[in-house]
Structures are given as structure tokens and as C-alpha cells.
Amino acid sequence: MEHIAIMKKSWRLTQKILSGQKKIESRWYKVKRAPWDLIKTGEAVYFKDSGAPVTIKTEVDKVIQFSDLTPKNVKKILYQYSRADGLGIDKIPEFFKMLKDKKYCILIFLKNPQRIKPFEIDKSGFGAMSAWISVEDVNLIKVSL
């Protein structure tokens, strides 16, 4: 599988991925959704900021999934992995407020981030608000610029 992660542009996380400051992509959910049980070591993850083309490709180094989370577990995960997730320790209270009621967390460890020739994607059938898309081949949804 190949994956496309759509990032909140205002958080400027794609720059942190390229610089190596962000080595983990975390996804937090109330219910299981992509990429839960879909993403594996060695697969490609492409990144794009919302409203922008795909510009980064990375490789999955490792995946850790957490389920049945409690606020205590959420806080523990945040403190253990926030630095590698590109968050400053000072941001943990802010993120804890947003994430304390989530039940599932996926940590995707990234390696070999590289800037690639930009391309757009066709999100038809994935939902306009999809923030993660998993496909057999990214070329199936690639749109040339």
C-alpha cells in the first residue's frame, strides 16, 4: 500500500518532516480509521499540506498502534513521543486538551524524507474531509500539474 497524509497547513509540520525535526506522524481517533491496520513497515507515505500539492515522500520505519486509550494513556504517549512528533514539550498541555478523549493512536515512524516533484491528487470517493488516504498505488489518484 501507499499512503497520503494531508496535514493542517497552519501547523507547518511538512517543513519539520523535511528537516528531520519530525520523525513520527501520529494520528489520533475516536474510532478506528485509515491507516489503522493498513500501514506497514517499508511502505511509502506521501505528505501534502491542505490546499497544496503532494511534495514529500517518506518511508515507514515502524508502526505502533494503541487502543482503548484513557486520558492517562494519552498523556503518557504525548510525553514519550512528542519531541519526535515535532511538538515542543510546551505544547503538550494544548494537545492533551485536544486528544484526551481519543481512543486510538497510531504512531508512524518515518525515515528517508525527501522533497519530490509536486503532484495533485483526486480525492473523489475518499470524502472531502479525508486526512489520510491509503491506496494500492498512488498513481491511481495522481493528477499531473
N, C-alpha and C. Protein backbone atom coordinates (compact mmCIF):
# COMPACT_ATOMS: atom_id res chain seq x y z
N MET A 1 0.84 -1.19 0.00
CA MET A 1 0.00 0.00 0.00
C MET A 1 0.88 1.25 0.00
N GLU A 2 0.27 2.31 -0.48
CA GLU A 2 0.90 3.64 -0.40
C GLU A 2 -0.12 4.55 0.28
N HIS A 3 0.39 5.58 0.93
CA HIS A 3 -0.45 6.41 1.79
C HIS A 3 -0.20 7.89 1.51
N ILE A 4 -1.25 8.67 1.62
CA ILE A 4 -1.12 10.12 1.51
C ILE A 4 -1.68 10.72 2.79
N ALA A 5 -0.85 11.49 3.46
CA ALA A 5 -1.24 12.18 4.69
C ALA A 5 -1.44 13.65 4.36
N ILE A 6 -2.62 14.15 4.72
CA ILE A 6 -2.93 15.56 4.48
C ILE A 6 -2.79 16.28 5.82
N MET A 7 -1.93 17.29 5.80
CA MET A 7 -1.55 17.98 7.03
C MET A 7 -2.22 19.34 7.14
N LYS A 8 -2.48 19.76 8.36
CA LYS A 8 -3.02 21.09 8.61
C LYS A 8 -1.91 22.10 8.31
N LYS A 9 -2.12 22.90 7.28
CA LYS A 9 -1.07 23.79 6.78
C LYS A 9 -0.53 24.74 7.86
N SER A 10 -1.41 25.26 8.70
CA SER A 10 -1.00 26.26 9.70
C SER A 10 -0.04 25.68 10.75
N TRP A 11 0.00 24.36 10.89
CA TRP A 11 0.90 23.75 11.87
C TRP A 11 2.33 23.60 11.34
N ARG A 12 2.53 23.80 10.04
CA ARG A 12 3.86 23.79 9.41
C ARG A 12 4.66 22.50 9.68
N LEU A 13 3.95 21.37 9.70
CA LEU A 13 4.61 20.11 10.02
C LEU A 13 5.37 19.51 8.84
N THR A 14 4.96 19.83 7.61
CA THR A 14 5.69 19.26 6.47
C THR A 14 7.13 19.75 6.44
N GLN A 15 7.35 21.01 6.81
CA GLN A 15 8.72 21.52 6.87
C GLN A 15 9.53 20.77 7.93
N LYS A 16 8.88 20.42 9.04
CA LYS A 16 9.56 19.68 10.11
C LYS A 16 9.90 18.26 9.67
N ILE A 17 9.07 17.67 8.82
CA ILE A 17 9.37 16.33 8.29
C ILE A 17 10.62 16.40 7.42
N LEU A 18 10.66 17.37 6.52
CA LEU A 18 11.82 17.50 5.63
C LEU A 18 13.11 17.78 6.39
N SER A 19 13.02 18.59 7.42
CA SER A 19 14.23 18.95 8.18
C SER A 19 14.69 17.84 9.12
N GLY A 20 13.83 16.82 9.31
CA GLY A 20 14.17 15.74 10.23
C GLY A 20 13.77 16.01 11.66
N GLN A 21 13.17 17.17 11.92
CA GLN A 21 12.72 17.52 13.26
C GLN A 21 11.49 16.67 13.66
N LYS A 22 10.70 16.27 12.67
CA LYS A 22 9.51 15.43 12.91
C LYS A 22 9.80 14.06 12.32
N LYS A 23 9.96 13.07 13.20
CA LYS A 23 10.31 11.72 12.78
C LYS A 23 9.15 10.74 12.95
N ILE A 24 8.07 11.22 13.56
CA ILE A 24 6.87 10.40 13.77
C ILE A 24 5.67 11.18 13.29
N GLU A 25 4.79 10.52 12.57
CA GLU A 25 3.48 11.08 12.27
C GLU A 25 2.48 10.35 13.16
N SER A 26 1.74 11.10 13.95
CA SER A 26 0.75 10.48 14.83
C SER A 26 -0.65 10.80 14.31
N ARG A 27 -1.52 9.83 14.45
CA ARG A 27 -2.93 10.01 14.12
C ARG A 27 -3.73 9.52 15.30
N TRP A 28 -4.68 10.33 15.71
CA TRP A 28 -5.49 10.07 16.90
C TRP A 28 -6.96 10.03 16.50
N TYR A 29 -7.68 9.01 16.95
CA TYR A 29 -9.07 8.82 16.53
C TYR A 29 -9.96 8.37 17.68
N LYS A 30 -11.25 8.64 17.52
CA LYS A 30 -12.26 8.09 18.45
C LYS A 30 -12.70 6.71 17.99
N VAL A 31 -12.64 6.47 16.69
CA VAL A 31 -12.96 5.15 16.12
C VAL A 31 -11.82 4.76 15.18
N LYS A 32 -11.69 3.47 14.92
CA LYS A 32 -10.62 3.01 14.03
C LYS A 32 -10.90 3.50 12.61
N ARG A 33 -9.89 4.08 11.98
CA ARG A 33 -9.99 4.54 10.59
C ARG A 33 -8.61 4.51 9.98
N ALA A 34 -8.55 4.66 8.66
CA ALA A 34 -7.28 4.61 7.94
C ALA A 34 -6.30 5.59 8.59
N PRO A 35 -5.08 5.11 8.81
CA PRO A 35 -4.43 3.90 8.33
C PRO A 35 -4.41 2.73 9.32
N TRP A 36 -5.33 2.70 10.29
CA TRP A 36 -5.36 1.63 11.29
C TRP A 36 -5.35 0.27 10.61
N ASP A 37 -4.42 -0.59 10.96
CA ASP A 37 -4.24 -1.94 10.41
C ASP A 37 -3.97 -1.96 8.90
N LEU A 38 -3.70 -0.81 8.29
CA LEU A 38 -3.43 -0.75 6.85
C LEU A 38 -1.97 -0.45 6.54
N ILE A 39 -1.28 0.20 7.45
CA ILE A 39 0.07 0.68 7.16
C ILE A 39 1.13 -0.25 7.75
N LYS A 40 2.16 -0.50 6.95
CA LYS A 40 3.19 -1.47 7.33
C LYS A 40 4.59 -0.88 7.11
N THR A 41 5.56 -1.42 7.81
CA THR A 41 6.96 -1.05 7.64
C THR A 41 7.36 -1.20 6.17
N GLY A 42 8.11 -0.23 5.66
CA GLY A 42 8.60 -0.28 4.29
C GLY A 42 7.70 0.41 3.28
N GLU A 43 6.47 0.71 3.66
CA GLU A 43 5.56 1.37 2.72
C GLU A 43 5.88 2.86 2.62
N ALA A 44 5.36 3.48 1.56
CA ALA A 44 5.59 4.90 1.32
C ALA A 44 4.45 5.73 1.90
N VAL A 45 4.82 6.86 2.49
CA VAL A 45 3.84 7.86 2.91
C VAL A 45 4.20 9.15 2.21
N TYR A 46 3.23 9.69 1.48
CA TYR A 46 3.37 10.99 0.82
C TYR A 46 2.67 12.02 1.69
N PHE A 47 3.24 13.22 1.76
CA PHE A 47 2.66 14.27 2.58
C PHE A 47 2.33 15.48 1.74
N LYS A 48 1.22 16.11 2.11
CA LYS A 48 0.82 17.37 1.50
C LYS A 48 0.17 18.23 2.55
N ASP A 49 0.34 19.53 2.42
CA ASP A 49 -0.42 20.47 3.25
C ASP A 49 -1.80 20.60 2.63
N SER A 50 -2.81 20.86 3.45
CA SER A 50 -4.16 21.04 2.92
C SER A 50 -4.14 22.19 1.91
N GLY A 51 -4.83 21.99 0.80
CA GLY A 51 -4.91 23.00 -0.25
C GLY A 51 -3.67 23.12 -1.11
N ALA A 52 -2.71 22.24 -0.92
CA ALA A 52 -1.45 22.29 -1.68
C ALA A 52 -1.19 20.92 -2.29
N PRO A 53 -0.26 20.85 -3.26
CA PRO A 53 0.06 19.54 -3.85
C PRO A 53 0.91 18.68 -2.91
N VAL A 54 1.01 17.42 -3.22
CA VAL A 54 1.90 16.50 -2.53
C VAL A 54 3.33 16.91 -2.86
N THR A 55 4.19 17.01 -1.85
CA THR A 55 5.57 17.47 -2.09
C THR A 55 6.63 16.63 -1.39
N ILE A 56 6.22 15.71 -0.53
CA ILE A 56 7.19 14.95 0.28
C ILE A 56 6.86 13.47 0.21
N LYS A 57 7.91 12.66 0.17
CA LYS A 57 7.76 11.21 0.26
C LYS A 57 8.68 10.71 1.37
N THR A 58 8.15 9.81 2.20
CA THR A 58 8.95 9.18 3.25
C THR A 58 8.70 7.68 3.20
N GLU A 59 9.46 6.98 4.00
CA GLU A 59 9.29 5.54 4.12
C GLU A 59 8.91 5.23 5.57
N VAL A 60 8.05 4.23 5.77
CA VAL A 60 7.65 3.82 7.11
C VAL A 60 8.74 2.95 7.71
N ASP A 61 9.26 3.38 8.84
CA ASP A 61 10.29 2.63 9.54
C ASP A 61 9.67 1.65 10.54
N LYS A 62 8.59 2.08 11.19
CA LYS A 62 7.94 1.26 12.21
C LYS A 62 6.56 1.84 12.48
N VAL A 63 5.62 1.01 12.95
CA VAL A 63 4.28 1.46 13.30
C VAL A 63 3.93 0.91 14.68
N ILE A 64 3.40 1.78 15.53
CA ILE A 64 2.89 1.35 16.83
C ILE A 64 1.44 1.81 16.92
N GLN A 65 0.54 0.91 17.32
CA GLN A 65 -0.88 1.24 17.47
C GLN A 65 -1.27 1.07 18.94
N PHE A 66 -2.04 2.04 19.43
CA PHE A 66 -2.56 2.00 20.80
C PHE A 66 -4.08 2.03 20.72
N SER A 67 -4.76 1.19 21.52
CA SER A 67 -6.22 1.21 21.54
C SER A 67 -6.72 1.30 22.98
N ASP A 68 -8.02 1.53 23.12
CA ASP A 68 -8.65 1.64 24.43
C ASP A 68 -7.95 2.67 25.31
N LEU A 69 -7.62 3.80 24.71
CA LEU A 69 -6.89 4.84 25.44
C LEU A 69 -7.74 5.50 26.52
N THR A 70 -7.06 5.91 27.57
CA THR A 70 -7.64 6.73 28.63
C THR A 70 -6.88 8.05 28.61
N PRO A 71 -7.39 9.08 29.26
CA PRO A 71 -6.63 10.34 29.31
C PRO A 71 -5.21 10.14 29.86
N LYS A 72 -5.06 9.25 30.82
CA LYS A 72 -3.73 8.97 31.39
C LYS A 72 -2.80 8.38 30.32
N ASN A 73 -3.32 7.43 29.50
CA ASN A 73 -2.50 6.86 28.42
C ASN A 73 -2.13 7.92 27.39
N VAL A 74 -3.10 8.77 27.06
CA VAL A 74 -2.85 9.83 26.07
C VAL A 74 -1.70 10.71 26.54
N LYS A 75 -1.75 11.11 27.80
CA LYS A 75 -0.71 11.98 28.36
C LYS A 75 0.65 11.27 28.30
N LYS A 76 0.67 10.00 28.65
CA LYS A 76 1.92 9.23 28.63
C LYS A 76 2.51 9.17 27.22
N ILE A 77 1.67 8.90 26.22
CA ILE A 77 2.13 8.85 24.82
C ILE A 77 2.67 10.21 24.39
N LEU A 78 1.94 11.27 24.73
CA LEU A 78 2.39 12.61 24.38
C LEU A 78 3.77 12.91 24.98
N TYR A 79 3.94 12.62 26.25
CA TYR A 79 5.23 12.91 26.87
C TYR A 79 6.36 12.04 26.31
N GLN A 80 6.04 10.80 25.97
CA GLN A 80 7.08 9.90 25.47
C GLN A 80 7.50 10.21 24.04
N TYR A 81 6.55 10.61 23.20
CA TYR A 81 6.83 10.72 21.77
C TYR A 81 6.72 12.13 21.19
N SER A 82 6.38 13.14 21.99
CA SER A 82 6.10 14.47 21.42
C SER A 82 7.29 15.08 20.70
N ARG A 83 8.48 14.93 21.24
CA ARG A 83 9.64 15.54 20.58
C ARG A 83 9.84 14.96 19.18
N ALA A 84 9.79 13.64 19.04
CA ALA A 84 9.96 13.01 17.73
C ALA A 84 8.77 13.28 16.82
N ASP A 85 7.63 13.67 17.41
CA ASP A 85 6.44 14.00 16.63
C ASP A 85 6.46 15.47 16.20
N GLY A 86 7.53 16.18 16.53
CA GLY A 86 7.67 17.57 16.10
C GLY A 86 6.99 18.57 17.00
N LEU A 87 6.59 18.12 18.21
CA LEU A 87 5.92 19.02 19.16
C LEU A 87 6.90 19.40 20.26
N GLY A 88 6.88 20.66 20.62
CA GLY A 88 7.67 21.08 21.75
C GLY A 88 7.00 20.62 23.04
N ILE A 89 7.77 20.39 24.06
CA ILE A 89 7.24 19.95 25.35
C ILE A 89 6.21 20.95 25.88
N ASP A 90 6.39 22.23 25.54
CA ASP A 90 5.47 23.28 25.98
C ASP A 90 4.09 23.16 25.33
N LYS A 91 3.98 22.43 24.24
CA LYS A 91 2.71 22.26 23.52
C LYS A 91 1.89 21.08 24.04
N ILE A 92 2.47 20.25 24.90
CA ILE A 92 1.77 19.05 25.36
C ILE A 92 0.43 19.38 26.03
N PRO A 93 0.34 20.36 26.93
CA PRO A 93 -0.96 20.64 27.55
C PRO A 93 -2.04 21.00 26.51
N GLU A 94 -1.65 21.78 25.51
CA GLU A 94 -2.58 22.18 24.44
C GLU A 94 -3.06 20.95 23.65
N PHE A 95 -2.14 20.07 23.29
CA PHE A 95 -2.50 18.88 22.54
C PHE A 95 -3.26 17.88 23.40
N PHE A 96 -2.92 17.82 24.69
CA PHE A 96 -3.65 16.92 25.58
C PHE A 96 -5.13 17.30 25.62
N LYS A 97 -5.42 18.60 25.68
CA LYS A 97 -6.83 19.06 25.67
C LYS A 97 -7.56 18.57 24.43
N MET A 98 -6.88 18.60 23.29
CA MET A 98 -7.50 18.16 22.03
C MET A 98 -7.64 16.64 21.95
N LEU A 99 -6.72 15.91 22.56
CA LEU A 99 -6.63 14.47 22.34
C LEU A 99 -7.09 13.60 23.51
N LYS A 100 -7.38 14.17 24.64
CA LYS A 100 -7.63 13.38 25.86
C LYS A 100 -8.77 12.38 25.73
N ASP A 101 -9.73 12.62 24.86
CA ASP A 101 -10.86 11.70 24.71
C ASP A 101 -10.73 10.74 23.54
N LYS A 102 -9.59 10.75 22.87
CA LYS A 102 -9.37 9.83 21.75
C LYS A 102 -9.15 8.42 22.30
N LYS A 103 -9.58 7.43 21.54
CA LYS A 103 -9.48 6.04 21.97
C LYS A 103 -8.39 5.26 21.24
N TYR A 104 -7.93 5.79 20.10
CA TYR A 104 -6.94 5.10 19.27
C TYR A 104 -5.84 6.07 18.85
N CYS A 105 -4.62 5.56 18.83
CA CYS A 105 -3.48 6.35 18.37
C CYS A 105 -2.59 5.46 17.52
N ILE A 106 -2.14 5.99 16.39
CA ILE A 106 -1.18 5.31 15.54
C ILE A 106 0.06 6.19 15.47
N LEU A 107 1.20 5.62 15.77
CA LEU A 107 2.48 6.31 15.62
C LEU A 107 3.19 5.70 14.43
N ILE A 108 3.47 6.52 13.43
CA ILE A 108 4.14 6.06 12.22
C ILE A 108 5.53 6.69 12.21
N PHE A 109 6.53 5.85 12.40
CA PHE A 109 7.92 6.31 12.43
C PHE A 109 8.40 6.45 10.98
N LEU A 110 8.95 7.61 10.67
CA LEU A 110 9.32 7.95 9.29
C LEU A 110 10.82 7.90 9.10
N LYS A 111 11.23 7.54 7.88
CA LYS A 111 12.64 7.64 7.54
C LYS A 111 12.77 8.06 6.07
N ASN A 112 13.94 8.55 5.74
CA ASN A 112 14.27 8.98 4.37
C ASN A 112 13.29 10.01 3.79
N PRO A 113 13.01 11.09 4.51
CA PRO A 113 12.12 12.10 3.92
C PRO A 113 12.81 12.79 2.74
N GLN A 114 12.06 12.99 1.68
CA GLN A 114 12.63 13.67 0.52
C GLN A 114 11.58 14.51 -0.18
N ARG A 115 12.03 15.65 -0.69
CA ARG A 115 11.16 16.51 -1.49
C ARG A 115 11.01 15.83 -2.86
N ILE A 116 9.79 15.81 -3.37
CA ILE A 116 9.54 15.20 -4.68
C ILE A 116 8.87 16.20 -5.61
N LYS A 117 8.83 15.86 -6.89
CA LYS A 117 8.14 16.71 -7.86
C LYS A 117 6.67 16.79 -7.44
N PRO A 118 6.14 18.00 -7.23
CA PRO A 118 4.77 18.14 -6.73
C PRO A 118 3.73 17.52 -7.67
N PHE A 119 2.70 16.95 -7.05
CA PHE A 119 1.55 16.46 -7.82
C PHE A 119 0.28 16.61 -7.00
N GLU A 120 -0.82 16.75 -7.69
CA GLU A 120 -2.14 16.84 -7.05
C GLU A 120 -2.73 15.44 -6.98
N ILE A 121 -3.74 15.28 -6.13
CA ILE A 121 -4.45 14.01 -6.06
C ILE A 121 -5.95 14.24 -6.27
N ASP A 122 -6.62 13.21 -6.73
CA ASP A 122 -8.07 13.22 -6.88
C ASP A 122 -8.64 12.47 -5.68
N LYS A 123 -9.29 13.21 -4.77
CA LYS A 123 -9.83 12.61 -3.55
C LYS A 123 -11.24 12.05 -3.74
N SER A 124 -11.72 12.03 -4.97
CA SER A 124 -13.08 11.52 -5.21
C SER A 124 -13.24 10.13 -4.62
N GLY A 125 -14.31 9.95 -3.87
CA GLY A 125 -14.59 8.65 -3.27
C GLY A 125 -13.97 8.44 -1.90
N PHE A 126 -13.11 9.37 -1.48
CA PHE A 126 -12.45 9.24 -0.17
C PHE A 126 -13.06 10.18 0.86
N GLY A 127 -13.93 11.07 0.43
CA GLY A 127 -14.52 12.06 1.33
C GLY A 127 -13.72 13.35 1.31
N ALA A 128 -14.42 14.45 1.20
CA ALA A 128 -13.76 15.75 1.08
C ALA A 128 -12.90 16.07 2.29
N MET A 129 -13.25 15.53 3.46
CA MET A 129 -12.52 15.85 4.68
C MET A 129 -11.45 14.80 5.03
N SER A 130 -11.22 13.85 4.14
CA SER A 130 -10.22 12.81 4.43
C SER A 130 -8.86 13.42 4.70
N ALA A 131 -8.25 13.00 5.80
CA ALA A 131 -6.91 13.48 6.14
C ALA A 131 -5.87 12.39 5.92
N TRP A 132 -6.33 11.18 5.57
CA TRP A 132 -5.42 10.07 5.29
C TRP A 132 -6.06 9.22 4.20
N ILE A 133 -5.28 8.91 3.17
CA ILE A 133 -5.77 8.06 2.08
C ILE A 133 -4.77 6.93 1.89
N SER A 134 -5.29 5.70 1.85
CA SER A 134 -4.46 4.52 1.60
C SER A 134 -4.93 3.89 0.30
N VAL A 135 -3.98 3.69 -0.63
CA VAL A 135 -4.30 3.11 -1.94
C VAL A 135 -3.22 2.09 -2.31
N GLU A 136 -3.55 1.20 -3.23
CA GLU A 136 -2.57 0.23 -3.71
C GLU A 136 -1.40 0.92 -4.39
N ASP A 137 -1.71 1.96 -5.17
CA ASP A 137 -0.69 2.67 -5.96
C ASP A 137 -1.11 4.13 -6.05
N VAL A 138 -0.26 5.04 -5.58
CA VAL A 138 -0.58 6.46 -5.59
C VAL A 138 -0.87 6.97 -7.00
N ASN A 139 -0.30 6.31 -8.00
CA ASN A 139 -0.55 6.75 -9.38
C ASN A 139 -2.02 6.65 -9.77
N LEU A 140 -2.79 5.82 -9.06
CA LEU A 140 -4.22 5.69 -9.34
C LEU A 140 -5.01 6.95 -9.04
N ILE A 141 -4.49 7.79 -8.14
CA ILE A 141 -5.20 9.03 -7.79
C ILE A 141 -4.38 10.29 -8.09
N LYS A 142 -3.25 10.10 -8.75
CA LYS A 142 -2.36 11.20 -9.08
C LYS A 142 -2.93 12.00 -10.26
N VAL A 143 -2.83 13.31 -10.13
CA VAL A 143 -3.25 14.23 -11.19
C VAL A 143 -2.03 15.06 -11.55
N SER A 144 -1.65 15.08 -12.80
CA SER A 144 -0.48 15.86 -13.22
C SER A 144 -0.73 17.35 -13.08
N LEU A 145 0.32 18.07 -12.74
CA LEU A 145 0.21 19.54 -12.64
C LEU A 145 0.47 20.19 -13.98
